[in-house]
Every structure is written in C-alpha cells, then in structure tokens.
Amino acid sequence: MLIGIIETGRPPGDLDKTHGNYPDMFRRLLSSVADDLDFFTRAALDGDVPEDPTSADAWLITGSRYGVYERHDWIVALEEFVRKAYAAEVPLVGICFGHQVIASALGGRVIKSEKGWGVGHHAYKVTETRPWMSQTTDTLTMNAVHQDQVVELPEDADVLATSEFCENAILSYGDRALTLQPHPEFNDDFKRDLIVDRLEAIVPHERMKAGSESLTSAMTTDIAAGWIVDFLKYARANSKNRTALCDPA
C-alpha cells in the first residue's frame, strides 16, 4: 500500500536532527506493525498540496502548530483536497491538526478550547469498536499536545474514543476516514525534548508539570498504530470492491 503523508508541521528548533521529522515518525510507527507499506511526502505547509487523491492508496495528514481557523492558503487548499479524497473514497487518516482539518473540511467546527493545553500522557475511553480492529481495548493512552479541539462533529463522524479533557478524541467516518487528536507517533524521548524546546514558553507551569510527570506511565501506541493500519487496509479493500462493482469490465 502506498501512503501519501501530507506534512503540515515540523518539529521546532533542531529536534528533527535527533528525532526526524513528522513523516519520519509516522514511517517508523506504521512500519513497526506492517512491512508492506510504502510512503512518500507532500509538504502542504510549503504550498505543495496534492491535487489528485488517487495518486496514493491512502493519505495521512500530520500534526501542526497552526490552527485550521487561521485560513492560510495552504489550509484552504488542503481542506478542498480532503473533500476530493473523501468523495473519491480514498482513505484518510488525520492526527492532531490532521484530525481537526478533516473535521473542518467535512462540516465540523474546531476552536481554541477554553480547557487550555493538553500535555503529556492522556487516557482515552474507547466507546465503540469497529470490525476492522484486529485488537480491542477499553482504554488507549497516548501523548497529547494541543489546545485546539473539534467541538462540533461532521454529519458522518462517530466518536470511537473520548476523555474528560477531549470529548471527540478519535473519530471514524465510516470506511473513509479515521482521525486521532492524540499523537501515537510521539515517543516519550521526543515529548520530553519538545517540552523543553517549545512548550515551556507557551503552556502554564502547572499544566506543564503535570504533563511532564505523566510521562512515566505506560502508553498503548502499538494498538493505535495497529488500528491505523487495520483501518487503511480495510478501507482500501472496500473502496476497490465498490469500484469493481461499478465497473465490472
């Protein structure tokens, strides 16, 4: 499966020298649970927004320091691409900003939440399961770093996991899109460096302290990675089957 990674942000400072960029992190994460994936990157934040959704088998949109409501030209173009991919039934995965931009493109609403910053390990209660999940769990624990949240869902969205801090944490759009507010691609080494490099200047001290202390707990990013791959393969197979039925020749 060929996955196009749409890069919408970059690690601050020189963190990429130690940890790689966001597409690198996703390649490592997804390749840890599947050995039949190929990747390429399109840097949307540099204006390189793809036009043809069918140039990949599926697309993954990364996190970003930008808010979808900032309406930069590349964000507007990316939302249009999301709608094209969704209509063409090319599977989409969105993480953090990607989670938000897919919701915004499809009719949801994203705001800078009054709850402020979520930082560190967050536990999410799984409220629904899907047939494509090869492994199920009651709770997922992943790194979070965000203050923007999806507060109104698009018509096709269902909530798969939630928390007190983030009500709409993981969303499913049938077999067309899967989106996560937390970051399964962020390991704790990167998160610690990120806290020191960027977050200390913008996140309240008490929230930062709690976030830092939470990094000693266990995460379940392996399950989240499995869900992403499970979903992409299931969605891709269903899309191909529907295409074959429409064009049996």
C-alpha atoms as a PDB file:
ATOM      1  CA  MET A   1       0.000   0.000   0.000  1.00  0.00           C
ATOM      2  CA  LEU A   2       1.286   3.425  -1.000  1.00  0.00           C
ATOM      3  CA  ILE A   3       0.610   6.067   1.665  1.00  0.00           C
ATOM      4  CA  GLY A   4       0.991   9.747   0.932  1.00  0.00           C
ATOM      5  CA  ILE A   5       1.990  11.653   4.065  1.00  0.00           C
ATOM      6  CA  ILE A   6       0.824  15.261   3.980  1.00  0.00           C
ATOM      7  CA  GLU A   7       3.276  17.277   6.066  1.00  0.00           C
ATOM      8  CA  THR A   8       1.564  20.197   7.791  1.00  0.00           C
ATOM      9  CA  GLY A   9       4.114  20.953  10.504  1.00  0.00           C
ATOM     10  CA  ARG A  10       7.711  20.425  11.601  1.00  0.00           C
ATOM     11  CA  PRO A  11       9.410  19.842  14.952  1.00  0.00           C
ATOM     12  CA  PRO A  12      10.590  23.123  16.491  1.00  0.00           C
ATOM     13  CA  GLY A  13      14.244  24.079  16.648  1.00  0.00           C
ATOM     14  CA  ASP A  14      16.620  21.298  15.684  1.00  0.00           C
ATOM     15  CA  LEU A  15      14.589  18.424  17.150  1.00  0.00           C
ATOM     16  CA  ASP A  16      14.372  16.862  13.691  1.00  0.00           C
ATOM     17  CA  LYS A  17      18.142  16.200  13.824  1.00  0.00           C
ATOM     18  CA  THR A  18      17.620  13.858  16.771  1.00  0.00           C
ATOM     19  CA  HIS A  19      14.123  12.520  16.189  1.00  0.00           C
ATOM     20  CA  GLY A  20      13.441  13.016  12.479  1.00  0.00           C
ATOM     21  CA  ASN A  21      10.547  14.992  11.051  1.00  0.00           C
ATOM     22  CA  TYR A  22       6.874  14.098  11.438  1.00  0.00           C
ATOM     23  CA  PRO A  23       6.734  11.939   8.274  1.00  0.00           C
ATOM     24  CA  ASP A  24       9.780  10.040   9.591  1.00  0.00           C
ATOM     25  CA  MET A  25       7.943   9.395  12.852  1.00  0.00           C
ATOM     26  CA  PHE A  26       4.913   8.015  11.029  1.00  0.00           C
ATOM     27  CA  ARG A  27       7.057   5.790   8.828  1.00  0.00           C
ATOM     28  CA  ARG A  28       8.652   4.298  11.939  1.00  0.00           C
ATOM     29  CA  LEU A  29       5.335   3.923  13.742  1.00  0.00           C
ATOM     30  CA  LEU A  30       3.402   2.245  10.944  1.00  0.00           C
ATOM     31  CA  SER A  31       6.317   0.136   9.726  1.00  0.00           C
ATOM     32  CA  SER A  32       6.581  -1.273  13.252  1.00  0.00           C
ATOM     33  CA  VAL A  33       3.245  -3.049  12.739  1.00  0.00           C
ATOM     34  CA  ALA A  34       3.258  -3.674   8.960  1.00  0.00           C
ATOM     35  CA  ASP A  35       6.037  -4.485   6.489  1.00  0.00           C
ATOM     36  CA  ASP A  36       4.093  -3.930   3.262  1.00  0.00           C
ATOM     37  CA  LEU A  37       3.753  -0.143   3.312  1.00  0.00           C
ATOM     38  CA  ASP A  38       5.477   2.422   1.100  1.00  0.00           C
ATOM     39  CA  PHE A  39       5.474   6.161   1.743  1.00  0.00           C
ATOM     40  CA  PHE A  40       6.052   9.497   0.084  1.00  0.00           C
ATOM     41  CA  THR A  41       5.649  13.024   1.447  1.00  0.00           C
ATOM     42  CA  ARG A  42       3.948  16.169   0.198  1.00  0.00           C
ATOM     43  CA  ALA A  43       4.810  19.322   2.180  1.00  0.00           C
ATOM     44  CA  ALA A  44       1.449  21.071   2.332  1.00  0.00           C
ATOM     45  CA  LEU A  45       2.745  23.794   4.644  1.00  0.00           C
ATOM     46  CA  ASP A  46       5.127  24.830   1.834  1.00  0.00           C
ATOM     47  CA  GLY A  47       2.205  25.047  -0.594  1.00  0.00           C
ATOM     48  CA  ASP A  48       2.716  21.542  -2.009  1.00  0.00           C
ATOM     49  CA  VAL A  49      -0.856  20.359  -1.512  1.00  0.00           C
ATOM     50  CA  PRO A  50      -1.694  17.310  -3.635  1.00  0.00           C
ATOM     51  CA  GLU A  51      -4.403  17.680  -6.244  1.00  0.00           C
ATOM     52  CA  ASP A  52      -5.160  14.106  -7.291  1.00  0.00           C
ATOM     53  CA  PRO A  53      -6.312  11.929  -4.375  1.00  0.00           C
ATOM     54  CA  THR A  54      -5.821   8.778  -6.441  1.00  0.00           C
ATOM     55  CA  SER A  55      -2.047   9.322  -6.671  1.00  0.00           C
ATOM     56  CA  ALA A  56      -1.813   7.322  -3.415  1.00  0.00           C
ATOM     57  CA  ASP A  57      -3.729   4.379  -2.000  1.00  0.00           C
ATOM     58  CA  ALA A  58      -4.355   6.371   1.168  1.00  0.00           C
ATOM     59  CA  TRP A  59      -3.350   9.663   2.801  1.00  0.00           C
ATOM     60  CA  LEU A  60      -2.176  10.602   6.282  1.00  0.00           C
ATOM     61  CA  ILE A  61      -2.221  14.227   7.481  1.00  0.00           C
ATOM     62  CA  THR A  62       0.262  15.127  10.232  1.00  0.00           C
ATOM     63  CA  GLY A  63       0.107  17.474  13.188  1.00  0.00           C
ATOM     64  CA  SER A  64       0.971  21.162  13.001  1.00  0.00           C
ATOM     65  CA  ARG A  65       1.463  24.269  15.133  1.00  0.00           C
ATOM     66  CA  TYR A  66      -1.183  26.004  13.010  1.00  0.00           C
ATOM     67  CA  GLY A  67      -4.911  26.175  13.715  1.00  0.00           C
ATOM     68  CA  VAL A  68      -7.361  25.248  10.983  1.00  0.00           C
ATOM     69  CA  TYR A  69      -9.209  28.516  11.637  1.00  0.00           C
ATOM     70  CA  GLU A  70      -6.148  30.562  10.582  1.00  0.00           C
ATOM     71  CA  ARG A  71      -7.216  30.066   6.949  1.00  0.00           C
ATOM     72  CA  HIS A  72      -3.795  30.203   5.319  1.00  0.00           C
ATOM     73  CA  ASP A  73      -3.958  29.486   1.601  1.00  0.00           C
ATOM     74  CA  TRP A  74      -2.454  26.031   2.053  1.00  0.00           C
ATOM     75  CA  ILE A  75      -5.009  25.153   4.749  1.00  0.00           C
ATOM     76  CA  VAL A  76      -7.899  26.176   2.490  1.00  0.00           C
ATOM     77  CA  ALA A  77      -6.365  24.123  -0.341  1.00  0.00           C
ATOM     78  CA  LEU A  78      -5.860  21.156   1.990  1.00  0.00           C
ATOM     79  CA  GLU A  79      -9.499  21.215   3.070  1.00  0.00           C
ATOM     80  CA  GLU A  80     -10.516  21.123  -0.590  1.00  0.00           C
ATOM     81  CA  PHE A  81      -8.211  18.148  -1.116  1.00  0.00           C
ATOM     82  CA  VAL A  82      -9.792  16.375   1.879  1.00  0.00           C
ATOM     83  CA  ARG A  83     -13.222  16.797   0.311  1.00  0.00           C
ATOM     84  CA  LYS A  84     -11.922  15.432  -3.021  1.00  0.00           C
ATOM     85  CA  ALA A  85     -10.343  12.400  -1.357  1.00  0.00           C
ATOM     86  CA  TYR A  86     -13.446  11.753   0.705  1.00  0.00           C
ATOM     87  CA  ALA A  87     -15.678  11.902  -2.377  1.00  0.00           C
ATOM     88  CA  ALA A  88     -13.287   9.634  -4.277  1.00  0.00           C
ATOM     89  CA  GLU A  89     -13.291   7.150  -1.358  1.00  0.00           C
ATOM     90  CA  VAL A  90      -9.522   7.291  -0.946  1.00  0.00           C
ATOM     91  CA  PRO A  91      -8.912   6.517   2.747  1.00  0.00           C
ATOM     92  CA  LEU A  92      -7.776   9.328   5.022  1.00  0.00           C
ATOM     93  CA  VAL A  93      -6.068   9.342   8.414  1.00  0.00           C
ATOM     94  CA  GLY A  94      -5.577  12.552  10.383  1.00  0.00           C
ATOM     95  CA  ILE A  95      -3.512  13.120  13.514  1.00  0.00           C
ATOM     96  CA  CYS A  96      -3.958  16.207  15.762  1.00  0.00           C
ATOM     97  CA  PHE A  97      -4.092  19.033  13.179  1.00  0.00           C
ATOM     98  CA  GLY A  98      -4.979  16.344  10.625  1.00  0.00           C
ATOM     99  CA  HIS A  99      -7.854  15.221  12.866  1.00  0.00           C
ATOM    100  CA  GLN A 100      -9.045  18.818  13.036  1.00  0.00           C
ATOM    101  CA  VAL A 101      -8.649  19.741   9.364  1.00  0.00           C
ATOM    102  CA  ILE A 102     -10.593  16.683   8.209  1.00  0.00           C
ATOM    103  CA  ALA A 103     -13.426  17.565  10.600  1.00  0.00           C
ATOM    104  CA  SER A 104     -13.399  21.196   9.459  1.00  0.00           C
ATOM    105  CA  ALA A 105     -13.350  20.261   5.763  1.00  0.00           C
ATOM    106  CA  LEU A 106     -16.355  17.963   6.198  1.00  0.00           C
ATOM    107  CA  GLY A 107     -18.554  20.422   8.088  1.00  0.00           C
ATOM    108  CA  GLY A 108     -17.377  20.223  11.701  1.00  0.00           C
ATOM    109  CA  ARG A 109     -16.125  23.060  13.896  1.00  0.00           C
ATOM    110  CA  VAL A 110     -12.720  23.478  15.514  1.00  0.00           C
ATOM    111  CA  ILE A 111     -11.901  26.067  18.183  1.00  0.00           C
ATOM    112  CA  LYS A 112      -9.129  27.008  20.595  1.00  0.00           C
ATOM    113  CA  SER A 113     -10.654  25.320  23.621  1.00  0.00           C
ATOM    114  CA  GLU A 114     -11.303  27.086  26.911  1.00  0.00           C
ATOM    115  CA  LYS A 115      -9.870  23.957  28.561  1.00  0.00           C
ATOM    116  CA  GLY A 116      -6.418  25.131  27.522  1.00  0.00           C
ATOM    117  CA  TRP A 117      -3.463  22.893  26.770  1.00  0.00           C
ATOM    118  CA  GLY A 118      -3.448  19.135  26.978  1.00  0.00           C
ATOM    119  CA  VAL A 119       0.137  17.937  27.502  1.00  0.00           C
ATOM    120  CA  GLY A 120       1.605  14.539  28.305  1.00  0.00           C
ATOM    121  CA  HIS A 121       0.036  11.096  28.524  1.00  0.00           C
ATOM    122  CA  HIS A 122      -3.744  11.154  28.189  1.00  0.00           C
ATOM    123  CA  ALA A 123      -6.020   8.137  28.629  1.00  0.00           C
ATOM    124  CA  TYR A 124      -8.989   7.802  26.276  1.00  0.00           C
ATOM    125  CA  LYS A 125     -12.005   5.597  26.936  1.00  0.00           C
ATOM    126  CA  VAL A 126     -12.908   3.507  23.886  1.00  0.00           C
ATOM    127  CA  THR A 127     -16.657   3.903  23.374  1.00  0.00           C
ATOM    128  CA  GLU A 128     -17.140   1.968  20.123  1.00  0.00           C
ATOM    129  CA  THR A 129     -15.328  -0.764  18.225  1.00  0.00           C
ATOM    130  CA  ARG A 130     -15.206  -1.475  14.503  1.00  0.00           C
ATOM    131  CA  PRO A 131     -14.907  -4.730  12.522  1.00  0.00           C
ATOM    132  CA  TRP A 132     -11.514  -3.709  11.134  1.00  0.00           C
ATOM    133  CA  MET A 133      -9.881  -3.611  14.586  1.00  0.00           C
ATOM    134  CA  SER A 134      -7.587  -6.625  14.945  1.00  0.00           C
ATOM    135  CA  GLN A 135      -7.091  -5.769  18.633  1.00  0.00           C
ATOM    136  CA  THR A 136      -9.511  -4.102  21.021  1.00  0.00           C
ATOM    137  CA  THR A 137      -9.048  -2.382  24.354  1.00  0.00           C
ATOM    138  CA  ASP A 138     -11.090  -0.403  26.855  1.00  0.00           C
ATOM    139  CA  THR A 139      -8.546   2.427  27.075  1.00  0.00           C
ATOM    140  CA  LEU A 140      -5.876   3.940  24.853  1.00  0.00           C
ATOM    141  CA  THR A 141      -3.059   6.008  26.341  1.00  0.00           C
ATOM    142  CA  MET A 142      -1.072   8.326  24.074  1.00  0.00           C
ATOM    143  CA  ASN A 143       0.860  11.561  24.126  1.00  0.00           C
ATOM    144  CA  ALA A 144      -1.226  14.694  23.681  1.00  0.00           C
ATOM    145  CA  VAL A 145      -0.114  18.238  22.921  1.00  0.00           C
ATOM    146  CA  HIS A 146      -2.928  20.543  21.831  1.00  0.00           C
ATOM    147  CA  GLN A 147      -5.282  23.300  22.819  1.00  0.00           C
ATOM    148  CA  ASP A 148      -7.478  23.245  19.697  1.00  0.00           C
ATOM    149  CA  GLN A 149     -10.358  20.764  19.692  1.00  0.00           C
ATOM    150  CA  VAL A 150     -13.132  19.511  17.421  1.00  0.00           C
ATOM    151  CA  VAL A 151     -16.287  20.714  19.199  1.00  0.00           C
ATOM    152  CA  GLU A 152     -18.931  20.035  16.541  1.00  0.00           C
ATOM    153  CA  LEU A 153     -18.853  16.833  14.523  1.00  0.00           C
ATOM    154  CA  PRO A 154     -19.419  16.470  10.780  1.00  0.00           C
ATOM    155  CA  GLU A 155     -22.561  14.554   9.877  1.00  0.00           C
ATOM    156  CA  ASP A 156     -20.691  11.328   9.035  1.00  0.00           C
ATOM    157  CA  ALA A 157     -18.448  11.247  12.112  1.00  0.00           C
ATOM    158  CA  ASP A 158     -18.756   8.799  15.010  1.00  0.00           C
ATOM    159  CA  VAL A 159     -16.786   9.033  18.254  1.00  0.00           C
ATOM    160  CA  LEU A 160     -14.662   5.944  18.936  1.00  0.00           C
ATOM    161  CA  ALA A 161     -12.792   7.246  21.992  1.00  0.00           C
ATOM    162  CA  THR A 162     -13.215  10.115  24.411  1.00  0.00           C
ATOM    163  CA  SER A 163     -11.819  11.684  27.580  1.00  0.00           C
ATOM    164  CA  GLU A 164     -12.905  14.301  30.072  1.00  0.00           C
ATOM    165  CA  PHE A 165     -10.445  16.742  28.514  1.00  0.00           C
ATOM    166  CA  CYS A 166     -11.110  15.857  24.864  1.00  0.00           C
ATOM    167  CA  GLU A 167     -14.630  14.673  24.125  1.00  0.00           C
ATOM    168  CA  ASN A 168     -14.087  13.967  20.427  1.00  0.00           C
ATOM    169  CA  ALA A 169     -10.685  12.305  20.660  1.00  0.00           C
ATOM    170  CA  ILE A 170     -10.903   9.588  17.994  1.00  0.00           C
ATOM    171  CA  LEU A 171     -13.368   9.814  15.138  1.00  0.00           C
ATOM    172  CA  SER A 172     -14.459   7.367  12.462  1.00  0.00           C
ATOM    173  CA  TYR A 173     -16.133   8.363   9.200  1.00  0.00           C
ATOM    174  CA  GLY A 174     -17.421   5.002   8.013  1.00  0.00           C
ATOM    175  CA  ASP A 175     -14.635   3.393   5.982  1.00  0.00           C
ATOM    176  CA  ARG A 176     -13.446   6.705   4.538  1.00  0.00           C
ATOM    177  CA  ALA A 177     -11.529   8.364   7.365  1.00  0.00           C
ATOM    178  CA  LEU A 178     -10.071   7.708  10.804  1.00  0.00           C
ATOM    179  CA  THR A 179      -8.760  10.603  12.888  1.00  0.00           C
ATOM    180  CA  LEU A 180      -6.990  10.896  16.247  1.00  0.00           C
ATOM    181  CA  GLN A 181      -6.461  14.005  18.341  1.00  0.00           C
ATOM    182  CA  PRO A 182      -3.519  12.486  20.302  1.00  0.00           C
ATOM    183  CA  HIS A 183      -0.103  11.651  18.811  1.00  0.00           C
ATOM    184  CA  PRO A 184       0.691   7.933  18.555  1.00  0.00           C
ATOM    185  CA  GLU A 185       3.849   8.885  16.618  1.00  0.00           C
ATOM    186  CA  PHE A 186       5.333  10.855  19.555  1.00  0.00           C
ATOM    187  CA  ASN A 187       7.534   8.760  21.814  1.00  0.00           C
ATOM    188  CA  ASP A 188       8.483   9.993  25.271  1.00  0.00           C
ATOM    189  CA  ASP A 189      12.034  10.977  24.326  1.00  0.00           C
ATOM    190  CA  PHE A 190      10.678  13.357  21.705  1.00  0.00           C
ATOM    191  CA  LYS A 191       7.973  14.588  24.055  1.00  0.00           C
ATOM    192  CA  ARG A 192      10.495  15.441  26.773  1.00  0.00           C
ATOM    193  CA  ASP A 193      12.626  17.372  24.276  1.00  0.00           C
ATOM    194  CA  LEU A 194       9.540  19.091  22.891  1.00  0.00           C
ATOM    195  CA  ILE A 195       8.503  20.224  26.370  1.00  0.00           C
ATOM    196  CA  VAL A 196      11.912  21.793  26.974  1.00  0.00           C
ATOM    197  CA  ASP A 197      12.331  23.247  23.484  1.00  0.00           C
ATOM    198  CA  ARG A 198       8.916  24.777  22.876  1.00  0.00           C
ATOM    199  CA  LEU A 199       6.171  24.144  25.373  1.00  0.00           C
ATOM    200  CA  GLU A 200       7.704  25.692  28.481  1.00  0.00           C
ATOM    201  CA  ALA A 201       7.336  29.127  26.876  1.00  0.00           C
ATOM    202  CA  ILE A 202       3.639  28.792  25.994  1.00  0.00           C
ATOM    203  CA  VAL A 203       1.994  26.318  28.395  1.00  0.00           C
ATOM    204  CA  PRO A 204       1.123  27.245  32.026  1.00  0.00           C
ATOM    205  CA  HIS A 205       3.637  25.866  34.526  1.00  0.00           C
ATOM    206  CA  GLU A 206       1.224  23.620  36.444  1.00  0.00           C
ATOM    207  CA  ARG A 207      -0.103  22.071  33.238  1.00  0.00           C
ATOM    208  CA  MET A 208       3.470  21.521  32.072  1.00  0.00           C
ATOM    209  CA  LYS A 209       4.481  19.962  35.398  1.00  0.00           C
ATOM    210  CA  ALA A 210       1.571  17.507  35.302  1.00  0.00           C
ATOM    211  CA  GLY A 211       2.310  16.683  31.670  1.00  0.00           C
ATOM    212  CA  SER A 212       5.967  16.003  32.392  1.00  0.00           C
ATOM    213  CA  GLU A 213       5.169  13.799  35.382  1.00  0.00           C
ATOM    214  CA  SER A 214       2.689  11.756  33.336  1.00  0.00           C
ATOM    215  CA  LEU A 215       5.449  10.543  31.018  1.00  0.00           C
ATOM    216  CA  THR A 216       6.325   7.773  33.480  1.00  0.00           C
ATOM    217  CA  SER A 217       3.086   5.872  32.726  1.00  0.00           C
ATOM    218  CA  ALA A 218       2.738   3.230  30.013  1.00  0.00           C
ATOM    219  CA  MET A 219       1.362   4.008  26.570  1.00  0.00           C
ATOM    220  CA  THR A 220      -0.602   1.872  24.084  1.00  0.00           C
ATOM    221  CA  THR A 221       0.685   3.391  20.861  1.00  0.00           C
ATOM    222  CA  ASP A 222       1.178  -0.096  19.419  1.00  0.00           C
ATOM    223  CA  ILE A 223      -2.583  -0.629  19.472  1.00  0.00           C
ATOM    224  CA  ALA A 224      -3.192   2.795  17.923  1.00  0.00           C
ATOM    225  CA  ALA A 225      -0.650   2.051  15.186  1.00  0.00           C
ATOM    226  CA  GLY A 226      -2.380  -1.257  14.533  1.00  0.00           C
ATOM    227  CA  TRP A 227      -5.736   0.477  14.288  1.00  0.00           C
ATOM    228  CA  ILE A 228      -4.405   2.916  11.690  1.00  0.00           C
ATOM    229  CA  VAL A 229      -3.016   0.131   9.514  1.00  0.00           C
ATOM    230  CA  ASP A 230      -6.090  -2.057  10.049  1.00  0.00           C
ATOM    231  CA  PHE A 231      -8.335   0.798   9.008  1.00  0.00           C
ATOM    232  CA  LEU A 232      -6.308   1.748   5.930  1.00  0.00           C
ATOM    233  CA  LYS A 233      -6.234  -1.804   4.590  1.00  0.00           C
ATOM    234  CA  TYR A 234      -9.921  -2.390   5.314  1.00  0.00           C
ATOM    235  CA  ALA A 235     -10.961   0.918   3.793  1.00  0.00           C
ATOM    236  CA  ARG A 236      -8.768   0.443   0.724  1.00  0.00           C
ATOM    237  CA  ALA A 237     -10.170  -3.046   0.091  1.00  0.00           C
ATOM    238  CA  ASN A 238     -13.759  -1.818   0.414  1.00  0.00           C
ATOM    239  CA  SER A 239     -13.100   1.097  -1.924  1.00  0.00           C
ATOM    240  CA  LYS A 240     -11.584  -1.221  -4.552  1.00  0.00           C
ATOM    241  CA  ASN A 241     -14.521  -3.618  -4.225  1.00  0.00           C
ATOM    242  CA  ARG A 242     -17.038  -0.829  -4.761  1.00  0.00           C
ATOM    243  CA  THR A 243     -15.102   0.372  -7.808  1.00  0.00           C
ATOM    244  CA  ALA A 244     -15.103  -3.142  -9.267  1.00  0.00           C
ATOM    245  CA  LEU A 245     -18.863  -3.451  -8.772  1.00  0.00           C
ATOM    246  CA  CYS A 246     -19.425  -0.158 -10.570  1.00  0.00           C
ATOM    247  CA  ASP A 247     -17.089  -1.130 -13.416  1.00  0.00           C
ATOM    248  CA  PRO A 248     -17.170  -4.936 -13.715  1.00  0.00           C
ATOM    249  CA  ALA A 249     -15.323  -4.813 -17.038  1.00  0.00           C
END
